[in-house]
């Protein structure tokens, strides 16, 4: 089997929500409760449109759905309260295989980074609670760039910071928009679907599709130099 990893050139870039953490469901329930608190009924179709994009784009989607008067900032603040309470009560919901994959990459001296659409404060808090923040060589957050996925900017910026060619980067993503962003960046994309399953167009962009990060770890262990 041909190798796609080596310690000198490869960089594995992780998405966060829905990929490392099972937080998309938490986000949906929290947004739904927050919208209800302010008198709005959030439907799952609208929420699914926001998966994988940054807060600027999320706000645009919600105001397209509910109108310009929709109090997004207040809804977001209340949503964060609900989500924080869930995490406090239940801990960060870790996706199967995350720790095993990080252990494997560390053992084989493979560089790893985070590229998430979540804002810096929220993402760093979750990464720290899950005890993985310091296990990455670099992280870039959604509020640190103007353009959101599916634009490739976040992946290209991470690769540049890590002095890694796009062709040597492997992106791990759960959402179709994230897959498209990685593909547009010229990187190999391994999709581990969460709430959104890939359609035929997305499948054409994916290098590999796997069910869990544990499966990703096994694939890497079979191919690493």
N, C-alpha and C. Protein backbone atom coordinates (compact mmCIF):
# COMPACT_ATOMS: atom_id res chain seq x y z
N UNK A 1 0.85 -1.20 0.00
CA UNK A 1 0.00 0.00 0.00
C UNK A 1 0.88 1.25 0.00
N UNK A 2 0.59 2.19 -0.88
CA UNK A 2 1.38 3.41 -0.97
C UNK A 2 1.18 4.28 0.26
N UNK A 3 2.26 4.93 0.71
CA UNK A 3 2.18 5.79 1.88
C UNK A 3 1.73 7.19 1.50
N UNK A 4 0.91 7.81 2.35
CA UNK A 4 0.57 9.22 2.15
C UNK A 4 1.11 10.06 3.30
N UNK A 5 1.83 9.44 4.23
CA UNK A 5 2.37 10.15 5.39
C UNK A 5 3.86 9.93 5.51
N UNK A 6 4.58 10.99 5.86
CA UNK A 6 5.95 10.84 6.32
C UNK A 6 6.27 12.00 7.25
N UNK A 7 7.18 11.77 8.18
CA UNK A 7 7.42 12.73 9.25
C UNK A 7 8.05 14.03 8.78
N UNK A 8 8.64 14.04 7.60
CA UNK A 8 9.34 15.24 7.14
C UNK A 8 8.43 16.21 6.39
N UNK A 9 7.41 15.70 5.71
CA UNK A 9 6.63 16.54 4.82
C UNK A 9 5.14 16.64 5.14
N UNK A 10 4.59 15.64 5.77
CA UNK A 10 3.13 15.56 5.91
C UNK A 10 2.59 16.45 7.02
N UNK A 11 1.37 16.93 6.80
CA UNK A 11 0.63 17.69 7.80
C UNK A 11 -0.81 17.19 7.78
N UNK A 12 -1.32 16.80 8.94
CA UNK A 12 -2.71 16.38 9.06
C UNK A 12 -3.48 17.53 9.71
N UNK A 13 -4.52 18.01 9.02
CA UNK A 13 -5.30 19.15 9.48
C UNK A 13 -6.69 18.67 9.91
N UNK A 14 -7.02 18.93 11.17
CA UNK A 14 -8.28 18.48 11.75
C UNK A 14 -9.31 19.61 11.78
N UNK A 15 -10.52 19.32 11.33
CA UNK A 15 -11.66 20.15 11.70
C UNK A 15 -11.95 19.84 13.17
N UNK A 16 -12.89 20.57 13.79
CA UNK A 16 -13.17 20.31 15.20
C UNK A 16 -14.59 19.78 15.42
N UNK A 17 -15.60 20.66 15.32
CA UNK A 17 -16.98 20.25 15.60
C UNK A 17 -17.46 19.21 14.60
N UNK A 18 -17.95 18.10 15.12
CA UNK A 18 -18.44 17.04 14.26
C UNK A 18 -17.37 16.07 13.82
N UNK A 19 -16.10 16.47 13.98
CA UNK A 19 -14.97 15.61 13.57
C UNK A 19 -14.25 15.09 14.80
N UNK A 20 -13.76 15.99 15.63
CA UNK A 20 -13.12 15.58 16.89
C UNK A 20 -14.13 15.42 18.01
N UNK A 21 -15.10 16.35 18.02
CA UNK A 21 -16.09 16.38 19.10
C UNK A 21 -17.49 16.21 18.52
N UNK A 22 -18.32 15.50 19.25
CA UNK A 22 -19.71 15.29 18.82
C UNK A 22 -20.56 16.47 19.29
N UNK A 23 -20.19 17.66 18.80
CA UNK A 23 -20.79 18.90 19.29
C UNK A 23 -21.81 19.52 18.34
N UNK A 24 -21.94 18.99 17.13
CA UNK A 24 -22.95 19.55 16.22
C UNK A 24 -24.36 19.34 16.78
N UNK A 25 -24.60 18.17 17.37
CA UNK A 25 -25.91 17.90 17.96
C UNK A 25 -26.16 18.83 19.15
N UNK A 26 -25.12 19.05 19.95
CA UNK A 26 -25.23 19.97 21.08
C UNK A 26 -25.53 21.39 20.58
N UNK A 27 -24.85 21.78 19.52
CA UNK A 27 -25.06 23.11 18.95
C UNK A 27 -26.48 23.28 18.45
N UNK A 28 -27.00 22.27 17.76
CA UNK A 28 -28.36 22.35 17.24
C UNK A 28 -29.38 22.49 18.37
N UNK A 29 -29.27 21.64 19.38
CA UNK A 29 -30.21 21.70 20.50
C UNK A 29 -30.11 23.04 21.23
N UNK A 30 -28.89 23.55 21.37
CA UNK A 30 -28.69 24.81 22.08
C UNK A 30 -29.23 25.99 21.28
N UNK A 31 -28.99 25.99 19.97
CA UNK A 31 -29.52 27.05 19.11
C UNK A 31 -31.05 26.99 19.08
N UNK A 32 -31.60 25.78 19.04
CA UNK A 32 -33.05 25.63 18.99
C UNK A 32 -33.69 26.18 20.27
N UNK A 33 -33.11 25.87 21.42
CA UNK A 33 -33.62 26.38 22.69
C UNK A 33 -33.47 27.89 22.78
N UNK A 34 -32.36 28.41 22.28
CA UNK A 34 -32.13 29.85 22.32
C UNK A 34 -33.11 30.59 21.42
N UNK A 35 -33.33 30.06 20.21
CA UNK A 35 -34.30 30.68 19.30
C UNK A 35 -35.69 30.68 19.92
N UNK A 36 -36.05 29.57 20.54
CA UNK A 36 -37.36 29.47 21.19
C UNK A 36 -37.48 30.49 22.32
N UNK A 37 -36.38 30.70 23.05
CA UNK A 37 -36.36 31.68 24.14
C UNK A 37 -36.72 33.07 23.64
N UNK A 38 -36.29 33.38 22.40
CA UNK A 38 -36.56 34.70 21.83
C UNK A 38 -37.75 34.71 20.86
N UNK A 39 -38.50 33.60 20.84
CA UNK A 39 -39.73 33.57 20.07
C UNK A 39 -39.61 33.12 18.63
N UNK A 40 -38.54 32.40 18.31
CA UNK A 40 -38.33 31.91 16.95
C UNK A 40 -38.27 30.38 16.97
N UNK A 41 -38.70 29.77 15.88
CA UNK A 41 -38.66 28.31 15.77
C UNK A 41 -37.60 27.91 14.75
N UNK A 42 -36.50 27.38 15.23
CA UNK A 42 -35.40 26.97 14.36
C UNK A 42 -35.67 25.58 13.80
N UNK A 43 -35.60 25.45 12.49
CA UNK A 43 -35.77 24.14 11.85
C UNK A 43 -34.41 23.53 11.54
N UNK A 44 -34.39 22.22 11.43
CA UNK A 44 -33.12 21.51 11.21
C UNK A 44 -32.51 21.83 9.86
N UNK A 45 -33.34 22.10 8.86
CA UNK A 45 -32.82 22.43 7.52
C UNK A 45 -31.97 23.69 7.58
N UNK A 46 -32.47 24.71 8.28
CA UNK A 46 -31.71 25.96 8.41
C UNK A 46 -30.42 25.72 9.18
N UNK A 47 -30.50 24.96 10.27
CA UNK A 47 -29.29 24.70 11.04
C UNK A 47 -28.24 23.96 10.21
N UNK A 48 -28.68 22.98 9.44
CA UNK A 48 -27.73 22.20 8.64
C UNK A 48 -26.98 23.07 7.64
N UNK A 49 -27.60 24.15 7.19
CA UNK A 49 -26.92 25.06 6.27
C UNK A 49 -25.75 25.77 6.94
N UNK A 50 -25.74 25.81 8.26
CA UNK A 50 -24.68 26.52 8.99
C UNK A 50 -23.51 25.62 9.36
N UNK A 51 -23.64 24.33 9.14
CA UNK A 51 -22.58 23.41 9.55
C UNK A 51 -21.32 23.63 8.71
N UNK A 52 -20.22 23.92 9.39
CA UNK A 52 -18.94 24.08 8.71
C UNK A 52 -18.57 25.50 8.35
N UNK A 53 -19.45 26.48 8.64
CA UNK A 53 -19.13 27.87 8.28
C UNK A 53 -18.87 28.69 9.54
N UNK A 54 -18.26 29.88 9.36
CA UNK A 54 -17.95 30.71 10.52
C UNK A 54 -19.16 31.55 10.94
N UNK A 55 -19.02 32.28 12.04
CA UNK A 55 -20.16 32.99 12.62
C UNK A 55 -20.70 34.10 11.72
N UNK A 56 -19.84 34.71 10.93
CA UNK A 56 -20.31 35.74 10.00
C UNK A 56 -21.33 35.14 9.04
N UNK A 57 -20.99 33.98 8.51
CA UNK A 57 -21.90 33.32 7.56
C UNK A 57 -23.12 32.75 8.28
N UNK A 58 -22.95 32.25 9.50
CA UNK A 58 -24.08 31.75 10.28
C UNK A 58 -25.12 32.86 10.47
N UNK A 59 -24.64 34.04 10.83
CA UNK A 59 -25.54 35.19 11.03
C UNK A 59 -26.31 35.51 9.75
N UNK A 60 -25.62 35.48 8.62
CA UNK A 60 -26.28 35.75 7.34
C UNK A 60 -27.39 34.73 7.07
N UNK A 61 -27.11 33.47 7.35
CA UNK A 61 -28.09 32.40 7.09
C UNK A 61 -29.32 32.57 7.98
N UNK A 62 -29.09 32.88 9.25
CA UNK A 62 -30.22 33.04 10.17
C UNK A 62 -31.06 34.27 9.81
N UNK A 63 -30.41 35.34 9.39
CA UNK A 63 -31.17 36.54 9.02
C UNK A 63 -31.88 36.37 7.68
N UNK A 64 -31.34 35.54 6.82
CA UNK A 64 -32.06 35.19 5.59
C UNK A 64 -33.33 34.41 5.93
N UNK A 65 -33.23 33.56 6.94
CA UNK A 65 -34.37 32.72 7.33
C UNK A 65 -35.42 33.51 8.12
N UNK A 66 -34.98 34.34 9.07
CA UNK A 66 -35.91 34.99 9.99
C UNK A 66 -36.08 36.49 9.76
N UNK A 67 -35.27 37.07 8.89
CA UNK A 67 -35.37 38.50 8.63
C UNK A 67 -34.26 39.28 9.30
N UNK A 68 -34.03 40.48 8.82
CA UNK A 68 -32.94 41.32 9.32
C UNK A 68 -33.10 41.69 10.79
N UNK A 69 -34.34 41.66 11.29
CA UNK A 69 -34.58 42.03 12.69
C UNK A 69 -34.21 40.91 13.66
N UNK A 70 -33.87 39.74 13.13
CA UNK A 70 -33.52 38.61 14.00
C UNK A 70 -32.34 38.99 14.89
N UNK A 71 -32.50 38.88 16.22
CA UNK A 71 -31.46 39.34 17.17
C UNK A 71 -30.34 38.31 17.32
N UNK A 72 -29.54 38.16 16.28
CA UNK A 72 -28.57 37.07 16.25
C UNK A 72 -27.60 37.11 17.42
N UNK A 73 -27.09 38.27 17.75
CA UNK A 73 -26.08 38.36 18.82
C UNK A 73 -26.65 37.90 20.16
N UNK A 74 -27.90 38.25 20.44
CA UNK A 74 -28.52 37.82 21.69
C UNK A 74 -28.82 36.32 21.65
N UNK A 75 -29.28 35.84 20.51
CA UNK A 75 -29.55 34.41 20.36
C UNK A 75 -28.26 33.61 20.52
N UNK A 76 -27.18 34.11 19.92
CA UNK A 76 -25.89 33.42 20.03
C UNK A 76 -25.42 33.38 21.47
N UNK A 77 -25.54 34.49 22.18
CA UNK A 77 -25.09 34.54 23.57
C UNK A 77 -25.86 33.53 24.42
N UNK A 78 -27.18 33.45 24.22
CA UNK A 78 -27.99 32.50 24.97
C UNK A 78 -27.66 31.06 24.56
N UNK A 79 -27.41 30.86 23.27
CA UNK A 79 -27.01 29.53 22.78
C UNK A 79 -25.73 29.07 23.46
N UNK A 80 -24.77 29.98 23.58
CA UNK A 80 -23.50 29.63 24.22
C UNK A 80 -23.70 29.27 25.68
N UNK A 81 -24.65 29.93 26.34
CA UNK A 81 -24.98 29.58 27.73
C UNK A 81 -25.50 28.15 27.82
N UNK A 82 -26.45 27.82 26.94
CA UNK A 82 -27.03 26.47 26.95
C UNK A 82 -25.96 25.42 26.65
N UNK A 83 -25.11 25.70 25.66
CA UNK A 83 -24.07 24.75 25.27
C UNK A 83 -23.05 24.58 26.39
N UNK A 84 -22.68 25.69 27.02
CA UNK A 84 -21.70 25.63 28.12
C UNK A 84 -22.25 24.81 29.28
N UNK A 85 -23.54 24.95 29.55
CA UNK A 85 -24.15 24.19 30.63
C UNK A 85 -24.13 22.69 30.32
N UNK A 86 -24.39 22.37 29.05
CA UNK A 86 -24.35 20.95 28.65
C UNK A 86 -22.94 20.39 28.85
N UNK A 87 -21.93 21.13 28.40
CA UNK A 87 -20.55 20.66 28.53
C UNK A 87 -20.15 20.54 29.99
N UNK A 88 -20.60 21.49 30.81
CA UNK A 88 -20.29 21.43 32.24
C UNK A 88 -20.91 20.20 32.88
N UNK A 89 -22.13 19.87 32.47
CA UNK A 89 -22.84 18.72 33.05
C UNK A 89 -22.35 17.38 32.50
N UNK A 90 -21.93 17.36 31.24
CA UNK A 90 -21.65 16.09 30.57
C UNK A 90 -20.22 15.92 30.07
N UNK A 91 -19.44 17.01 30.07
CA UNK A 91 -18.10 16.95 29.51
C UNK A 91 -18.13 17.10 27.99
N UNK A 92 -16.96 17.23 27.40
CA UNK A 92 -16.87 17.36 25.94
C UNK A 92 -17.10 15.97 25.32
N UNK A 93 -18.07 15.85 24.42
CA UNK A 93 -18.33 14.54 23.79
C UNK A 93 -17.27 14.23 22.74
N UNK A 94 -16.37 13.33 23.07
CA UNK A 94 -15.23 13.01 22.21
C UNK A 94 -15.63 11.97 21.17
N UNK A 95 -15.22 12.20 19.94
CA UNK A 95 -15.50 11.23 18.88
C UNK A 95 -14.57 10.01 19.01
N UNK A 96 -15.11 8.87 18.67
CA UNK A 96 -14.36 7.62 18.76
C UNK A 96 -13.06 7.69 17.95
N UNK A 97 -11.96 7.36 18.61
CA UNK A 97 -10.68 7.25 17.92
C UNK A 97 -9.83 8.50 17.95
N UNK A 98 -10.33 9.61 18.51
CA UNK A 98 -9.55 10.85 18.50
C UNK A 98 -8.21 10.69 19.22
N UNK A 99 -8.25 10.20 20.44
CA UNK A 99 -7.02 10.09 21.22
C UNK A 99 -6.06 9.08 20.60
N UNK A 100 -6.60 7.99 20.09
CA UNK A 100 -5.75 6.98 19.46
C UNK A 100 -5.06 7.54 18.21
N UNK A 101 -5.80 8.33 17.44
CA UNK A 101 -5.22 8.93 16.24
C UNK A 101 -4.14 9.94 16.60
N UNK A 102 -4.40 10.77 17.60
CA UNK A 102 -3.39 11.75 18.02
C UNK A 102 -2.15 11.05 18.56
N UNK A 103 -2.34 9.98 19.31
CA UNK A 103 -1.20 9.21 19.82
C UNK A 103 -0.36 8.66 18.68
N UNK A 104 -1.03 8.13 17.67
CA UNK A 104 -0.33 7.55 16.53
C UNK A 104 0.48 8.62 15.79
N UNK A 105 -0.13 9.77 15.53
CA UNK A 105 0.56 10.83 14.80
C UNK A 105 1.75 11.36 15.59
N UNK A 106 1.58 11.48 16.91
CA UNK A 106 2.68 11.95 17.75
C UNK A 106 3.83 10.94 17.75
N UNK A 107 3.49 9.67 17.87
CA UNK A 107 4.50 8.62 17.88
C UNK A 107 5.32 8.61 16.59
N UNK A 108 4.65 8.92 15.48
CA UNK A 108 5.32 8.89 14.18
C UNK A 108 5.80 10.28 13.73
N UNK A 109 5.74 11.25 14.65
CA UNK A 109 6.27 12.60 14.42
C UNK A 109 5.63 13.28 13.21
N UNK A 110 4.32 13.06 13.04
CA UNK A 110 3.58 13.71 11.96
C UNK A 110 3.00 15.01 12.49
N UNK A 111 3.21 16.10 11.77
CA UNK A 111 2.68 17.40 12.19
C UNK A 111 1.15 17.39 12.10
N UNK A 112 0.53 18.12 13.03
CA UNK A 112 -0.93 18.17 13.06
C UNK A 112 -1.40 19.55 13.48
N UNK A 113 -2.52 19.97 12.89
CA UNK A 113 -3.05 21.30 13.15
C UNK A 113 -4.57 21.24 13.17
N UNK A 114 -5.16 22.31 13.70
CA UNK A 114 -6.62 22.46 13.74
C UNK A 114 -7.02 23.60 12.81
N UNK A 115 -8.08 23.39 12.03
CA UNK A 115 -8.65 24.45 11.19
C UNK A 115 -10.17 24.38 11.38
N UNK A 116 -10.68 25.20 12.29
CA UNK A 116 -12.09 25.14 12.64
C UNK A 116 -12.80 26.45 12.34
N UNK A 117 -14.07 26.34 11.98
CA UNK A 117 -14.88 27.54 11.74
C UNK A 117 -15.37 28.16 13.04
N UNK A 118 -15.22 27.46 14.15
CA UNK A 118 -15.62 28.01 15.45
C UNK A 118 -14.69 29.16 15.85
N UNK A 119 -15.22 30.07 16.66
CA UNK A 119 -14.39 31.20 17.08
C UNK A 119 -13.31 30.75 18.07
N UNK A 120 -12.28 31.56 18.18
CA UNK A 120 -11.09 31.20 18.95
C UNK A 120 -11.42 30.87 20.42
N UNK A 121 -12.19 31.73 21.07
CA UNK A 121 -12.48 31.55 22.49
C UNK A 121 -13.20 30.23 22.75
N UNK A 122 -14.25 29.97 21.99
CA UNK A 122 -15.03 28.75 22.17
C UNK A 122 -14.21 27.51 21.86
N UNK A 123 -13.50 27.55 20.73
CA UNK A 123 -12.73 26.38 20.30
C UNK A 123 -11.60 26.06 21.27
N UNK A 124 -10.87 27.07 21.70
CA UNK A 124 -9.76 26.83 22.63
C UNK A 124 -10.27 26.24 23.94
N UNK A 125 -11.43 26.71 24.38
CA UNK A 125 -12.02 26.19 25.62
C UNK A 125 -12.33 24.70 25.48
N UNK A 126 -12.96 24.32 24.37
CA UNK A 126 -13.30 22.91 24.15
C UNK A 126 -12.05 22.05 24.00
N UNK A 127 -11.08 22.54 23.24
CA UNK A 127 -9.84 21.79 23.04
C UNK A 127 -9.10 21.59 24.37
N UNK A 128 -9.12 22.62 25.20
CA UNK A 128 -8.46 22.51 26.51
C UNK A 128 -9.20 21.54 27.42
N UNK A 129 -10.53 21.62 27.45
CA UNK A 129 -11.31 20.70 28.29
C UNK A 129 -11.11 19.25 27.87
N UNK A 130 -10.91 19.05 26.58
CA UNK A 130 -10.70 17.69 26.07
C UNK A 130 -9.24 17.24 26.18
N UNK A 131 -8.40 18.12 26.72
CA UNK A 131 -6.97 17.82 26.91
C UNK A 131 -6.24 17.55 25.60
N UNK A 132 -6.61 18.29 24.55
CA UNK A 132 -5.92 18.10 23.27
C UNK A 132 -5.34 19.41 22.72
N UNK A 133 -5.59 20.53 23.36
CA UNK A 133 -5.13 21.82 22.83
C UNK A 133 -3.63 21.82 22.58
N UNK A 134 -2.86 21.32 23.53
CA UNK A 134 -1.40 21.35 23.42
C UNK A 134 -0.85 20.20 22.59
N UNK A 135 -1.73 19.36 22.08
CA UNK A 135 -1.27 18.23 21.28
C UNK A 135 -1.16 18.59 19.80
N UNK A 136 -1.60 19.80 19.45
CA UNK A 136 -1.51 20.26 18.07
C UNK A 136 -0.37 21.27 17.93
N UNK A 137 0.25 21.26 16.76
CA UNK A 137 1.35 22.18 16.50
C UNK A 137 0.87 23.59 16.20
N UNK A 138 -0.39 23.69 15.75
CA UNK A 138 -0.92 25.00 15.38
C UNK A 138 -2.44 24.88 15.28
N UNK A 139 -3.12 26.00 15.49
CA UNK A 139 -4.58 26.03 15.33
C UNK A 139 -4.99 27.38 14.75
N UNK A 140 -5.96 27.35 13.86
CA UNK A 140 -6.50 28.57 13.27
C UNK A 140 -8.02 28.52 13.39
N UNK A 141 -8.61 29.66 13.76
CA UNK A 141 -10.02 29.68 14.12
C UNK A 141 -10.84 30.54 13.15
N UNK A 142 -12.15 30.29 13.14
CA UNK A 142 -13.02 30.92 12.16
C UNK A 142 -13.09 32.43 12.22
N UNK A 143 -12.90 33.01 13.41
CA UNK A 143 -12.98 34.46 13.54
C UNK A 143 -11.64 35.14 13.25
N UNK A 144 -10.66 34.37 12.80
CA UNK A 144 -9.36 34.94 12.47
C UNK A 144 -9.16 35.12 10.96
N UNK A 145 -10.21 34.78 10.19
CA UNK A 145 -10.17 34.97 8.75
C UNK A 145 -11.49 35.59 8.29
N UNK A 146 -11.45 36.29 7.17
CA UNK A 146 -12.67 36.89 6.63
C UNK A 146 -13.53 35.87 5.90
N UNK A 147 -12.89 34.98 5.16
CA UNK A 147 -13.63 34.03 4.35
C UNK A 147 -13.79 32.70 5.06
N UNK A 148 -14.99 32.15 4.97
CA UNK A 148 -15.33 30.90 5.64
C UNK A 148 -15.25 29.73 4.66
N UNK A 149 -15.18 28.52 5.19
CA UNK A 149 -15.39 27.35 4.35
C UNK A 149 -16.76 27.52 3.67
N UNK A 150 -16.92 27.21 2.39
CA UNK A 150 -16.09 26.32 1.57
C UNK A 150 -14.92 26.98 0.85
N UNK A 151 -14.64 28.26 1.14
CA UNK A 151 -13.42 28.85 0.59
C UNK A 151 -12.21 28.17 1.23
N UNK A 152 -11.11 28.04 0.51
CA UNK A 152 -9.97 27.27 1.01
C UNK A 152 -9.03 28.03 1.94
N UNK A 153 -9.35 29.29 2.23
CA UNK A 153 -8.41 30.18 2.93
C UNK A 153 -7.85 29.61 4.23
N UNK A 154 -8.70 29.01 5.05
CA UNK A 154 -8.24 28.55 6.36
C UNK A 154 -7.23 27.41 6.21
N UNK A 155 -7.45 26.52 5.27
CA UNK A 155 -6.51 25.42 5.07
C UNK A 155 -5.19 25.90 4.46
N UNK A 156 -5.28 26.82 3.52
CA UNK A 156 -4.07 27.37 2.90
C UNK A 156 -3.25 28.15 3.92
N UNK A 157 -3.93 28.88 4.81
CA UNK A 157 -3.22 29.65 5.84
C UNK A 157 -2.51 28.73 6.82
N UNK A 158 -3.15 27.62 7.18
CA UNK A 158 -2.52 26.65 8.08
C UNK A 158 -1.30 26.03 7.42
N UNK A 159 -1.44 25.64 6.17
CA UNK A 159 -0.31 25.03 5.45
C UNK A 159 0.86 26.00 5.35
N UNK A 160 0.56 27.26 5.07
CA UNK A 160 1.62 28.28 4.97
C UNK A 160 2.33 28.45 6.30
N UNK A 161 1.56 28.53 7.38
CA UNK A 161 2.15 28.69 8.71
C UNK A 161 3.05 27.51 9.06
N UNK A 162 2.65 26.32 8.64
CA UNK A 162 3.40 25.12 8.97
C UNK A 162 4.45 24.76 7.92
N UNK A 163 4.63 25.67 6.93
CA UNK A 163 5.63 25.45 5.87
C UNK A 163 5.44 24.10 5.18
N UNK A 164 4.20 23.83 4.83
CA UNK A 164 3.87 22.55 4.22
C UNK A 164 3.16 22.78 2.89
N UNK A 165 3.56 22.08 1.86
CA UNK A 165 2.90 22.17 0.57
C UNK A 165 1.50 21.59 0.67
N UNK A 166 0.56 22.19 -0.06
CA UNK A 166 -0.82 21.71 -0.04
C UNK A 166 -0.91 20.24 -0.42
N UNK A 167 -0.10 19.82 -1.36
CA UNK A 167 -0.15 18.44 -1.83
C UNK A 167 0.28 17.44 -0.76
N UNK A 168 0.95 17.94 0.30
CA UNK A 168 1.38 17.06 1.39
C UNK A 168 0.47 17.15 2.61
N UNK A 169 -0.65 17.87 2.45
CA UNK A 169 -1.59 18.02 3.57
C UNK A 169 -2.75 17.05 3.42
N UNK A 170 -3.15 16.47 4.54
CA UNK A 170 -4.33 15.62 4.59
C UNK A 170 -5.34 16.29 5.51
N UNK A 171 -6.50 16.62 4.98
CA UNK A 171 -7.56 17.27 5.74
C UNK A 171 -8.54 16.23 6.24
N UNK A 172 -8.89 16.31 7.51
CA UNK A 172 -9.93 15.46 8.09
C UNK A 172 -11.16 16.32 8.33
N UNK A 173 -12.25 15.99 7.67
CA UNK A 173 -13.47 16.81 7.72
C UNK A 173 -14.71 15.94 7.86
N UNK A 174 -15.75 16.53 8.46
CA UNK A 174 -17.03 15.82 8.58
C UNK A 174 -18.10 16.42 7.69
N UNK A 175 -17.94 17.67 7.24
CA UNK A 175 -19.02 18.35 6.52
C UNK A 175 -18.69 18.52 5.04
N UNK A 176 -19.71 18.53 4.19
CA UNK A 176 -19.49 18.76 2.75
C UNK A 176 -18.80 20.09 2.45
N UNK A 177 -19.14 21.15 3.19
CA UNK A 177 -18.49 22.44 2.96
C UNK A 177 -17.00 22.38 3.30
N UNK A 178 -16.68 21.66 4.37
CA UNK A 178 -15.28 21.49 4.73
C UNK A 178 -14.52 20.67 3.71
N UNK A 179 -15.18 19.64 3.19
CA UNK A 179 -14.58 18.82 2.13
C UNK A 179 -14.27 19.68 0.91
N UNK A 180 -15.23 20.51 0.52
CA UNK A 180 -15.04 21.37 -0.65
C UNK A 180 -13.89 22.35 -0.42
N UNK A 181 -13.79 22.89 0.78
CA UNK A 181 -12.70 23.81 1.11
C UNK A 181 -11.35 23.13 1.00
N UNK A 182 -11.25 21.92 1.54
CA UNK A 182 -10.00 21.18 1.47
C UNK A 182 -9.62 20.83 0.04
N UNK A 183 -10.62 20.45 -0.74
CA UNK A 183 -10.39 20.11 -2.15
C UNK A 183 -9.91 21.34 -2.92
N UNK A 184 -10.56 22.48 -2.68
CA UNK A 184 -10.17 23.71 -3.35
C UNK A 184 -8.76 24.14 -2.96
N UNK A 185 -8.32 23.73 -1.78
CA UNK A 185 -6.97 24.06 -1.34
C UNK A 185 -5.92 23.15 -1.98
N UNK A 186 -6.38 22.14 -2.71
CA UNK A 186 -5.45 21.22 -3.36
C UNK A 186 -4.93 20.15 -2.44
N UNK A 187 -5.69 19.83 -1.40
CA UNK A 187 -5.27 18.85 -0.40
C UNK A 187 -6.09 17.57 -0.51
N UNK A 188 -5.54 16.49 0.00
CA UNK A 188 -6.29 15.24 0.10
C UNK A 188 -7.26 15.36 1.27
N UNK A 189 -8.51 14.98 1.06
CA UNK A 189 -9.52 15.11 2.10
C UNK A 189 -10.07 13.74 2.47
N UNK A 190 -9.96 13.41 3.74
CA UNK A 190 -10.61 12.22 4.28
C UNK A 190 -11.86 12.68 5.02
N UNK A 191 -13.00 12.19 4.60
CA UNK A 191 -14.26 12.59 5.22
C UNK A 191 -14.73 11.54 6.21
N UNK A 192 -15.08 12.02 7.40
CA UNK A 192 -15.69 11.18 8.43
C UNK A 192 -17.05 11.83 8.72
N UNK A 193 -18.09 11.46 7.99
CA UNK A 193 -19.37 12.17 8.06
C UNK A 193 -19.98 12.17 9.46
N UNK A 194 -20.66 13.28 9.76
CA UNK A 194 -21.37 13.41 11.03
C UNK A 194 -22.86 13.59 10.73
N UNK A 195 -23.41 14.77 10.93
CA UNK A 195 -24.83 14.99 10.67
C UNK A 195 -25.16 15.01 9.18
N UNK A 196 -24.23 15.49 8.38
CA UNK A 196 -24.46 15.60 6.94
C UNK A 196 -23.72 14.50 6.19
N UNK A 197 -24.46 13.68 5.48
CA UNK A 197 -23.85 12.64 4.66
C UNK A 197 -23.46 13.23 3.30
N UNK A 198 -22.40 12.72 2.70
CA UNK A 198 -21.96 13.26 1.41
C UNK A 198 -22.90 12.88 0.28
N UNK A 199 -23.20 13.86 -0.58
CA UNK A 199 -23.96 13.54 -1.79
C UNK A 199 -22.96 13.10 -2.86
N UNK A 200 -23.46 12.83 -4.05
CA UNK A 200 -22.59 12.31 -5.11
C UNK A 200 -21.52 13.31 -5.50
N UNK A 201 -21.85 14.60 -5.50
CA UNK A 201 -20.86 15.62 -5.84
C UNK A 201 -19.74 15.66 -4.81
N UNK A 202 -20.10 15.56 -3.53
CA UNK A 202 -19.09 15.58 -2.47
C UNK A 202 -18.20 14.35 -2.54
N UNK A 203 -18.80 13.21 -2.82
CA UNK A 203 -18.02 11.96 -2.88
C UNK A 203 -16.93 12.03 -3.95
N UNK A 204 -17.17 12.80 -5.00
CA UNK A 204 -16.18 12.93 -6.07
C UNK A 204 -14.94 13.71 -5.60
N UNK A 205 -15.10 14.51 -4.54
CA UNK A 205 -14.00 15.35 -4.05
C UNK A 205 -13.18 14.67 -2.96
N UNK A 206 -13.72 13.59 -2.42
CA UNK A 206 -13.12 12.95 -1.25
C UNK A 206 -12.05 11.94 -1.66
N UNK A 207 -10.91 12.01 -0.97
CA UNK A 207 -9.84 11.03 -1.18
C UNK A 207 -10.23 9.69 -0.58
N UNK A 208 -10.74 9.73 0.65
CA UNK A 208 -11.24 8.54 1.33
C UNK A 208 -12.44 8.96 2.18
N UNK A 209 -13.39 8.04 2.35
CA UNK A 209 -14.48 8.25 3.30
C UNK A 209 -14.42 7.15 4.34
N UNK A 210 -14.45 7.54 5.63
CA UNK A 210 -14.34 6.57 6.70
C UNK A 210 -15.38 6.86 7.77
N UNK A 211 -15.68 5.85 8.57
CA UNK A 211 -16.76 5.97 9.53
C UNK A 211 -16.34 6.62 10.84
N UNK A 212 -15.09 6.39 11.25
CA UNK A 212 -14.62 6.92 12.53
C UNK A 212 -13.15 7.33 12.42
N UNK A 213 -12.69 8.10 13.40
CA UNK A 213 -11.28 8.45 13.46
C UNK A 213 -10.42 7.23 13.77
N UNK A 214 -11.01 6.24 14.41
CA UNK A 214 -10.29 4.99 14.66
C UNK A 214 -9.96 4.31 13.33
N UNK A 215 -10.89 4.38 12.40
CA UNK A 215 -10.65 3.83 11.07
C UNK A 215 -9.57 4.63 10.34
N UNK A 216 -9.57 5.95 10.54
CA UNK A 216 -8.52 6.79 9.96
C UNK A 216 -7.15 6.39 10.50
N UNK A 217 -7.10 6.18 11.81
CA UNK A 217 -5.84 5.78 12.45
C UNK A 217 -5.33 4.45 11.87
N UNK A 218 -6.23 3.51 11.69
CA UNK A 218 -5.84 2.22 11.12
C UNK A 218 -5.32 2.39 9.70
N UNK A 219 -6.01 3.22 8.92
CA UNK A 219 -5.56 3.47 7.55
C UNK A 219 -4.17 4.09 7.54
N UNK A 220 -3.96 5.09 8.38
CA UNK A 220 -2.64 5.72 8.46
C UNK A 220 -1.57 4.72 8.90
N UNK A 221 -1.91 3.88 9.87
CA UNK A 221 -0.92 2.93 10.39
C UNK A 221 -0.51 1.91 9.33
N UNK A 222 -1.39 1.68 8.37
CA UNK A 222 -1.08 0.75 7.28
C UNK A 222 -0.28 1.41 6.16
N UNK A 223 -0.22 2.77 6.18
CA UNK A 223 0.41 3.46 5.05
C UNK A 223 1.60 4.31 5.43
N UNK A 224 1.81 4.56 6.72
CA UNK A 224 2.89 5.47 7.12
C UNK A 224 4.25 4.88 6.79
N UNK A 225 5.18 5.76 6.41
CA UNK A 225 6.55 5.31 6.12
C UNK A 225 7.24 4.92 7.42
